[in-house]
């Protein structure tokens, strides 16, 4: 189990882990991976396509903020 944690979560070899624990030798770390952009929630996409009537391609081109704003407009103004 520990090997899986070291490999998959901490991303360090076992020798580097123990060197850090016992001798305060900080392991070399890779460059942080960029965080993926949060997409449009599925329910928002469904509402825009099936209730508001916006074409799929137009919904796909919307940012998360644009899509949520459009659903909010639909819910408050009915347009």
PDB file of N, CA and C in Angstrom:
ATOM      1  N   UNK A   1       0.822  -1.185   0.000  1.00  0.00           N
ATOM      2  CA  UNK A   1       0.000   0.000   0.000  1.00  0.00           C
ATOM      3  C   UNK A   1       0.875   1.261   0.000  1.00  0.00           C
ATOM      4  N   UNK A   2       1.936   1.261   0.810  1.00  0.00           N
ATOM      5  CA  UNK A   2       2.793   2.448   0.888  1.00  0.00           C
ATOM      6  C   UNK A   2       3.436   2.765  -0.446  1.00  0.00           C
ATOM      7  N   UNK A   3       3.840   1.725  -1.159  1.00  0.00           N
ATOM      8  CA  UNK A   3       4.480   1.961  -2.457  1.00  0.00           C
ATOM      9  C   UNK A   3       3.527   2.647  -3.423  1.00  0.00           C
ATOM     10  N   UNK A   4       2.267   2.265  -3.386  1.00  0.00           N
ATOM     11  CA  UNK A   4       1.277   2.912  -4.257  1.00  0.00           C
ATOM     12  C   UNK A   4       1.098   4.379  -3.874  1.00  0.00           C
ATOM     13  N   UNK A   5       1.076   4.672  -2.592  1.00  0.00           N
ATOM     14  CA  UNK A   5       0.940   6.064  -2.137  1.00  0.00           C
ATOM     15  C   UNK A   5       2.159   6.878  -2.554  1.00  0.00           C
ATOM     16  N   UNK A   6       3.341   6.311  -2.346  1.00  0.00           N
ATOM     17  CA  UNK A   6       4.564   7.021  -2.738  1.00  0.00           C
ATOM     18  C   UNK A   6       4.584   7.276  -4.241  1.00  0.00           C
ATOM     19  N   UNK A   7       4.220   6.271  -5.014  1.00  0.00           N
ATOM     20  CA  UNK A   7       4.266   6.376  -6.468  1.00  0.00           C
ATOM     21  C   UNK A   7       3.158   7.265  -7.012  1.00  0.00           C
ATOM     22  N   UNK A   8       1.919   7.062  -6.582  1.00  0.00           N
ATOM     23  CA  UNK A   8       0.765   7.712  -7.206  1.00  0.00           C
ATOM     24  C   UNK A   8       0.403   9.063  -6.604  1.00  0.00           C
ATOM     25  N   UNK A   9       0.602   9.236  -5.322  1.00  0.00           N
ATOM     26  CA  UNK A   9       0.179  10.477  -4.681  1.00  0.00           C
ATOM     27  C   UNK A   9       1.346  11.414  -4.380  1.00  0.00           C
ATOM     28  N   UNK A  10       2.425  10.874  -3.859  1.00  0.00           N
ATOM     29  CA  UNK A  10       3.572  11.716  -3.523  1.00  0.00           C
ATOM     30  C   UNK A  10       4.555  11.844  -4.680  1.00  0.00           C
ATOM     31  N   UNK A  11       4.501  10.914  -5.609  1.00  0.00           N
ATOM     32  CA  UNK A  11       5.362  10.930  -6.810  1.00  0.00           C
ATOM     33  C   UNK A  11       6.843  10.976  -6.454  1.00  0.00           C
ATOM     34  N   UNK A  12       7.252  10.147  -5.493  1.00  0.00           N
ATOM     35  CA  UNK A  12       8.667  10.054  -5.126  1.00  0.00           C
ATOM     36  C   UNK A  12       9.041   8.582  -4.962  1.00  0.00           C
ATOM     37  N   UNK A  13      10.295   8.247  -5.276  1.00  0.00           N
ATOM     38  CA  UNK A  13      10.771   6.890  -4.993  1.00  0.00           C
ATOM     39  C   UNK A  13      10.875   6.670  -3.482  1.00  0.00           C
ATOM     40  N   UNK A  14      10.826   5.416  -3.059  1.00  0.00           N
ATOM     41  CA  UNK A  14      10.865   5.099  -1.636  1.00  0.00           C
ATOM     42  C   UNK A  14      12.142   5.620  -0.973  1.00  0.00           C
ATOM     43  N   UNK A  15      13.271   5.508  -1.657  1.00  0.00           N
ATOM     44  CA  UNK A  15      14.545   5.977  -1.087  1.00  0.00           C
ATOM     45  C   UNK A  15      14.504   7.483  -0.822  1.00  0.00           C
ATOM     46  N   UNK A  16      13.925   8.245  -1.741  1.00  0.00           N
ATOM     47  CA  UNK A  16      13.817   9.697  -1.548  1.00  0.00           C
ATOM     48  C   UNK A  16      12.885  10.036  -0.390  1.00  0.00           C
ATOM     49  N   UNK A  17      11.811   9.267  -0.246  1.00  0.00           N
ATOM     50  CA  UNK A  17      10.874   9.488   0.856  1.00  0.00           C
ATOM     51  C   UNK A  17      11.584   9.319   2.201  1.00  0.00           C
ATOM     52  N   UNK A  18      12.313   8.196   2.350  1.00  0.00           N
ATOM     53  CA  UNK A  18      12.974   7.937   3.626  1.00  0.00           C
ATOM     54  C   UNK A  18      14.120   8.905   3.879  1.00  0.00           C
ATOM     55  N   UNK A  19      14.800   9.346   2.838  1.00  0.00           N
ATOM     56  CA  UNK A  19      15.851  10.358   3.008  1.00  0.00           C
ATOM     57  C   UNK A  19      15.247  11.653   3.532  1.00  0.00           C
ATOM     58  N   UNK A  20      14.062  11.973   3.076  1.00  0.00           N
ATOM     59  CA  UNK A  20      13.370  13.174   3.543  1.00  0.00           C
ATOM     60  C   UNK A  20      12.952  13.022   5.007  1.00  0.00           C
ATOM     61  N   UNK A  21      12.384  11.875   5.342  1.00  0.00           N
ATOM     62  CA  UNK A  21      11.899  11.636   6.706  1.00  0.00           C
ATOM     63  C   UNK A  21      13.052  11.592   7.706  1.00  0.00           C
ATOM     64  N   UNK A  22      14.098  10.855   7.364  1.00  0.00           N
ATOM     65  CA  UNK A  22      15.173  10.616   8.328  1.00  0.00           C
ATOM     66  C   UNK A  22      16.261  11.690   8.312  1.00  0.00           C
ATOM     67  N   UNK A  23      16.549  12.253   7.135  1.00  0.00           N
ATOM     68  CA  UNK A  23      17.698  13.153   7.020  1.00  0.00           C
ATOM     69  C   UNK A  23      17.329  14.569   6.585  1.00  0.00           C
ATOM     70  N   UNK A  24      16.043  14.867   6.494  1.00  0.00           N
ATOM     71  CA  UNK A  24      15.567  16.188   6.057  1.00  0.00           C
ATOM     72  C   UNK A  24      16.077  16.583   4.672  1.00  0.00           C
ATOM     73  N   UNK A  25      16.258  15.598   3.800  1.00  0.00           N
ATOM     74  CA  UNK A  25      16.672  15.861   2.420  1.00  0.00           C
ATOM     75  C   UNK A  25      15.402  15.975   1.578  1.00  0.00           C
ATOM     76  N   UNK A  26      15.124  17.172   1.110  1.00  0.00           N
ATOM     77  CA  UNK A  26      13.902  17.407   0.340  1.00  0.00           C
ATOM     78  C   UNK A  26      14.060  16.802  -1.053  1.00  0.00           C
ATOM     79  N   UNK A  27      13.104  15.975  -1.486  1.00  0.00           N
ATOM     80  CA  UNK A  27      13.219  15.353  -2.810  1.00  0.00           C
ATOM     81  C   UNK A  27      13.016  16.366  -3.933  1.00  0.00           C
ATOM     82  N   UNK A  28      13.617  16.070  -5.078  1.00  0.00           N
ATOM     83  CA  UNK A  28      13.405  16.895  -6.265  1.00  0.00           C
ATOM     84  C   UNK A  28      11.949  16.744  -6.690  1.00  0.00           C
ATOM     85  N   UNK A  29      11.301  17.852  -6.941  1.00  0.00           N
ATOM     86  CA  UNK A  29       9.893  17.815  -7.356  1.00  0.00           C
ATOM     87  C   UNK A  29       9.789  18.277  -8.795  1.00  0.00           C
ATOM     88  N   UNK A  30       8.851  17.729  -9.483  1.00  0.00           N
ATOM     89  CA  UNK A  30       8.619  18.166 -10.855  1.00  0.00           C
ATOM     90  C   UNK A  30       7.856  19.488 -10.842  1.00  0.00           C
ATOM     91  N   UNK A  31       7.789  20.116 -11.980  1.00  0.00           N
ATOM     92  CA  UNK A  31       7.044  21.366 -12.113  1.00  0.00           C
ATOM     93  C   UNK A  31       5.557  21.051 -11.953  1.00  0.00           C
ATOM     94  N   UNK A  32       4.869  21.902 -11.247  1.00  0.00           N
ATOM     95  CA  UNK A  32       3.433  21.692 -11.024  1.00  0.00           C
ATOM     96  C   UNK A  32       2.682  21.665 -12.348  1.00  0.00           C
ATOM     97  N   UNK A  33       1.772  20.734 -12.445  1.00  0.00           N
ATOM     98  CA  UNK A  33       0.942  20.636 -13.639  1.00  0.00           C
ATOM     99  C   UNK A  33      -0.122  21.722 -13.608  1.00  0.00           C
ATOM    100  N   UNK A  34      -0.427  22.303 -14.757  1.00  0.00           N
ATOM    101  CA  UNK A  34      -1.484  23.314 -14.772  1.00  0.00           C
ATOM    102  C   UNK A  34      -2.835  22.679 -14.430  1.00  0.00           C
ATOM    103  N   UNK A  35      -3.621  23.419 -13.696  1.00  0.00           N
ATOM    104  CA  UNK A  35      -4.943  22.944 -13.304  1.00  0.00           C
ATOM    105  C   UNK A  35      -5.884  23.105 -14.490  1.00  0.00           C
ATOM    106  N   UNK A  36      -6.618  22.056 -14.764  1.00  0.00           N
ATOM    107  CA  UNK A  36      -7.557  22.104 -15.882  1.00  0.00           C
ATOM    108  C   UNK A  36      -8.676  23.098 -15.592  1.00  0.00           C
ATOM    109  N   UNK A  37      -9.107  23.776 -16.619  1.00  0.00           N
ATOM    110  CA  UNK A  37     -10.197  24.735 -16.475  1.00  0.00           C
ATOM    111  C   UNK A  37     -11.488  23.978 -16.166  1.00  0.00           C
ATOM    112  N   UNK A  38     -12.273  24.536 -15.276  1.00  0.00           N
ATOM    113  CA  UNK A  38     -13.532  23.911 -14.905  1.00  0.00           C
ATOM    114  C   UNK A  38     -14.532  24.145 -16.028  1.00  0.00           C
ATOM    115  N   UNK A  39     -15.158  23.088 -16.475  1.00  0.00           N
ATOM    116  CA  UNK A  39     -16.096  23.185 -17.586  1.00  0.00           C
ATOM    117  C   UNK A  39     -17.488  23.606 -17.146  1.00  0.00           C
ATOM    118  N   UNK A  40     -18.366  23.653 -18.114  1.00  0.00           N
ATOM    119  CA  UNK A  40     -19.764  24.011 -17.869  1.00  0.00           C
ATOM    120  C   UNK A  40     -20.462  22.788 -17.276  1.00  0.00           C
ATOM    121  N   UNK A  41     -21.194  22.937 -16.174  1.00  0.00           N
ATOM    122  CA  UNK A  41     -21.901  21.806 -15.580  1.00  0.00           C
ATOM    123  C   UNK A  41     -22.889  21.180 -16.571  1.00  0.00           C
ATOM    124  N   UNK A  42     -23.003  19.873 -16.521  1.00  0.00           N
ATOM    125  CA  UNK A  42     -23.854  19.137 -17.453  1.00  0.00           C
ATOM    126  C   UNK A  42     -25.307  19.610 -17.404  1.00  0.00           C
ATOM    127  N   UNK A  43     -25.814  19.898 -16.223  1.00  0.00           N
ATOM    128  CA  UNK A  43     -27.206  20.341 -16.114  1.00  0.00           C
ATOM    129  C   UNK A  43     -27.412  21.683 -16.798  1.00  0.00           C
ATOM    130  N   UNK A  44     -26.416  22.558 -16.742  1.00  0.00           N
ATOM    131  CA  UNK A  44     -26.504  23.854 -17.423  1.00  0.00           C
ATOM    132  C   UNK A  44     -26.539  23.637 -18.928  1.00  0.00           C
ATOM    133  N   UNK A  45     -25.667  22.762 -19.435  1.00  0.00           N
ATOM    134  CA  UNK A  45     -25.653  22.450 -20.870  1.00  0.00           C
ATOM    135  C   UNK A  45     -27.002  21.890 -21.297  1.00  0.00           C
ATOM    136  N   UNK A  46     -27.529  20.950 -20.541  1.00  0.00           N
ATOM    137  CA  UNK A  46     -28.821  20.337 -20.865  1.00  0.00           C
ATOM    138  C   UNK A  46     -29.924  21.387 -20.894  1.00  0.00           C
ATOM    139  N   UNK A  47     -29.949  22.262 -19.905  1.00  0.00           N
ATOM    140  CA  UNK A  47     -30.972  23.308 -19.843  1.00  0.00           C
ATOM    141  C   UNK A  47     -30.870  24.250 -21.031  1.00  0.00           C
ATOM    142  N   UNK A  48     -29.655  24.660 -21.364  1.00  0.00           N
ATOM    143  CA  UNK A  48     -29.474  25.582 -22.492  1.00  0.00           C
ATOM    144  C   UNK A  48     -29.932  24.961 -23.810  1.00  0.00           C
ATOM    145  N   UNK A  49     -29.640  23.703 -24.010  1.00  0.00           N
ATOM    146  CA  UNK A  49     -29.991  23.049 -25.274  1.00  0.00           C
ATOM    147  C   UNK A  49     -31.471  22.695 -25.327  1.00  0.00           C
ATOM    148  N   UNK A  50     -31.994  22.070 -24.283  1.00  0.00           N
ATOM    149  CA  UNK A  50     -33.340  21.499 -24.335  1.00  0.00           C
ATOM    150  C   UNK A  50     -34.451  22.425 -23.858  1.00  0.00           C
ATOM    151  N   UNK A  51     -34.145  23.377 -22.992  1.00  0.00           N
ATOM    152  CA  UNK A  51     -35.192  24.276 -22.520  1.00  0.00           C
ATOM    153  C   UNK A  51     -35.088  25.658 -23.147  1.00  0.00           C
ATOM    154  N   UNK A  52     -33.863  26.170 -23.237  1.00  0.00           N
ATOM    155  CA  UNK A  52     -33.679  27.501 -23.814  1.00  0.00           C
ATOM    156  C   UNK A  52     -33.704  27.425 -25.335  1.00  0.00           C
ATOM    157  N   UNK A  53     -33.222  26.307 -25.883  1.00  0.00           N
ATOM    158  CA  UNK A  53     -33.246  26.121 -27.331  1.00  0.00           C
ATOM    159  C   UNK A  53     -32.015  26.633 -28.059  1.00  0.00           C
ATOM    160  N   UNK A  54     -30.913  26.755 -27.360  1.00  0.00           N
ATOM    161  CA  UNK A  54     -29.668  27.210 -27.981  1.00  0.00           C
ATOM    162  C   UNK A  54     -29.011  26.012 -28.672  1.00  0.00           C
ATOM    163  N   UNK A  55     -28.522  26.180 -29.903  1.00  0.00           N
ATOM    164  CA  UNK A  55     -27.869  25.070 -30.616  1.00  0.00           C
ATOM    165  C   UNK A  55     -26.632  24.544 -29.875  1.00  0.00           C
ATOM    166  N   UNK A  56     -26.367  23.250 -30.049  1.00  0.00           N
ATOM    167  CA  UNK A  56     -25.235  22.601 -29.380  1.00  0.00           C
ATOM    168  C   UNK A  56     -23.923  23.349 -29.604  1.00  0.00           C
ATOM    169  N   UNK A  57     -23.650  23.723 -30.840  1.00  0.00           N
ATOM    170  CA  UNK A  57     -22.379  24.379 -31.171  1.00  0.00           C
ATOM    171  C   UNK A  57     -22.226  25.705 -30.433  1.00  0.00           C
ATOM    172  N   UNK A  58     -23.321  26.424 -30.280  1.00  0.00           N
ATOM    173  CA  UNK A  58     -23.264  27.708 -29.577  1.00  0.00           C
ATOM    174  C   UNK A  58     -23.011  27.502 -28.087  1.00  0.00           C
ATOM    175  N   UNK A  59     -23.638  26.488 -27.518  1.00  0.00           N
ATOM    176  CA  UNK A  59     -23.420  26.171 -26.100  1.00  0.00           C
ATOM    177  C   UNK A  59     -21.971  25.720 -25.890  1.00  0.00           C
ATOM    178  N   UNK A  60     -21.452  24.921 -26.811  1.00  0.00           N
ATOM    179  CA  UNK A  60     -20.075  24.428 -26.696  1.00  0.00           C
ATOM    180  C   UNK A  60     -19.061  25.564 -26.734  1.00  0.00           C
ATOM    181  N   UNK A  61     -19.397  26.650 -27.398  1.00  0.00           N
ATOM    182  CA  UNK A  61     -18.483  27.790 -27.506  1.00  0.00           C
ATOM    183  C   UNK A  61     -18.535  28.706 -26.286  1.00  0.00           C
ATOM    184  N   UNK A  62     -19.518  28.518 -25.407  1.00  0.00           N
ATOM    185  CA  UNK A  62     -19.667  29.379 -24.229  1.00  0.00           C
ATOM    186  C   UNK A  62     -18.671  29.004 -23.134  1.00  0.00           C
ATOM    187  N   UNK A  63     -18.232  30.017 -22.401  1.00  0.00           N
ATOM    188  CA  UNK A  63     -17.433  29.760 -21.202  1.00  0.00           C
ATOM    189  C   UNK A  63     -18.392  29.351 -20.083  1.00  0.00           C
ATOM    190  N   UNK A  64     -17.839  28.869 -19.007  1.00  0.00           N
ATOM    191  CA  UNK A  64     -18.656  28.492 -17.850  1.00  0.00           C
ATOM    192  C   UNK A  64     -19.492  29.682 -17.378  1.00  0.00           C
ATOM    193  N   UNK A  65     -18.851  30.846 -17.282  1.00  0.00           N
ATOM    194  CA  UNK A  65     -19.537  32.041 -16.787  1.00  0.00           C
ATOM    195  C   UNK A  65     -20.654  32.470 -17.735  1.00  0.00           C
ATOM    196  N   UNK A  66     -20.392  32.430 -19.042  1.00  0.00           N
ATOM    197  CA  UNK A  66     -21.411  32.811 -20.025  1.00  0.00           C
ATOM    198  C   UNK A  66     -22.608  31.872 -19.969  1.00  0.00           C
ATOM    199  N   UNK A  67     -22.342  30.585 -19.865  1.00  0.00           N
ATOM    200  CA  UNK A  67     -23.423  29.601 -19.840  1.00  0.00           C
ATOM    201  C   UNK A  67     -24.285  29.767 -18.591  1.00  0.00           C
ATOM    202  N   UNK A  68     -23.655  29.944 -17.453  1.00  0.00           N
ATOM    203  CA  UNK A  68     -24.408  30.111 -16.208  1.00  0.00           C
ATOM    204  C   UNK A  68     -25.204  31.411 -16.239  1.00  0.00           C
ATOM    205  N   UNK A  69     -24.607  32.473 -16.765  1.00  0.00           N
ATOM    206  CA  UNK A  69     -25.330  33.747 -16.878  1.00  0.00           C
ATOM    207  C   UNK A  69     -26.545  33.598 -17.788  1.00  0.00           C
ATOM    208  N   UNK A  70     -26.408  32.838 -18.868  1.00  0.00           N
ATOM    209  CA  UNK A  70     -27.525  32.654 -19.810  1.00  0.00           C
ATOM    210  C   UNK A  70     -28.641  31.836 -19.177  1.00  0.00           C
ATOM    211  N   UNK A  71     -28.301  30.813 -18.410  1.00  0.00           N
ATOM    212  CA  UNK A  71     -29.322  30.026 -17.703  1.00  0.00           C
ATOM    213  C   UNK A  71     -30.010  30.892 -16.661  1.00  0.00           C
ATOM    214  N   UNK A  72     -29.255  31.699 -15.929  1.00  0.00           N
ATOM    215  CA  UNK A  72     -29.856  32.591 -14.935  1.00  0.00           C
ATOM    216  C   UNK A  72     -30.814  33.574 -15.591  1.00  0.00           C
ATOM    217  N   UNK A  73     -30.438  34.090 -16.748  1.00  0.00           N
ATOM    218  CA  UNK A  73     -31.320  34.999 -17.478  1.00  0.00           C
ATOM    219  C   UNK A  73     -32.603  34.277 -17.881  1.00  0.00           C
ATOM    220  N   UNK A  74     -32.474  33.048 -18.351  1.00  0.00           N
ATOM    221  CA  UNK A  74     -33.644  32.251 -18.731  1.00  0.00           C
ATOM    222  C   UNK A  74     -34.562  32.032 -17.531  1.00  0.00           C
ATOM    223  N   UNK A  75     -33.984  31.700 -16.390  1.00  0.00           N
ATOM    224  CA  UNK A  75     -34.793  31.428 -15.206  1.00  0.00           C
ATOM    225  C   UNK A  75     -35.456  32.689 -14.651  1.00  0.00           C
ATOM    226  N   UNK A  76     -34.793  33.834 -14.743  1.00  0.00           N
ATOM    227  CA  UNK A  76     -35.361  35.056 -14.167  1.00  0.00           C
ATOM    228  C   UNK A  76     -36.253  35.824 -15.128  1.00  0.00           C
ATOM    229  N   UNK A  77     -35.894  35.829 -16.418  1.00  0.00           N
ATOM    230  CA  UNK A  77     -36.648  36.618 -17.391  1.00  0.00           C
ATOM    231  C   UNK A  77     -37.474  35.762 -18.342  1.00  0.00           C
ATOM    232  N   UNK A  78     -37.194  34.473 -18.347  1.00  0.00           N
ATOM    233  CA  UNK A  78     -37.911  33.589 -19.260  1.00  0.00           C
ATOM    234  C   UNK A  78     -37.503  33.766 -20.707  1.00  0.00           C
ATOM    235  N   UNK A  79     -36.372  34.393 -20.932  1.00  0.00           N
ATOM    236  CA  UNK A  79     -35.948  34.652 -22.319  1.00  0.00           C
ATOM    237  C   UNK A  79     -34.723  33.865 -22.664  1.00  0.00           C
TER     238      UNK A  79
END
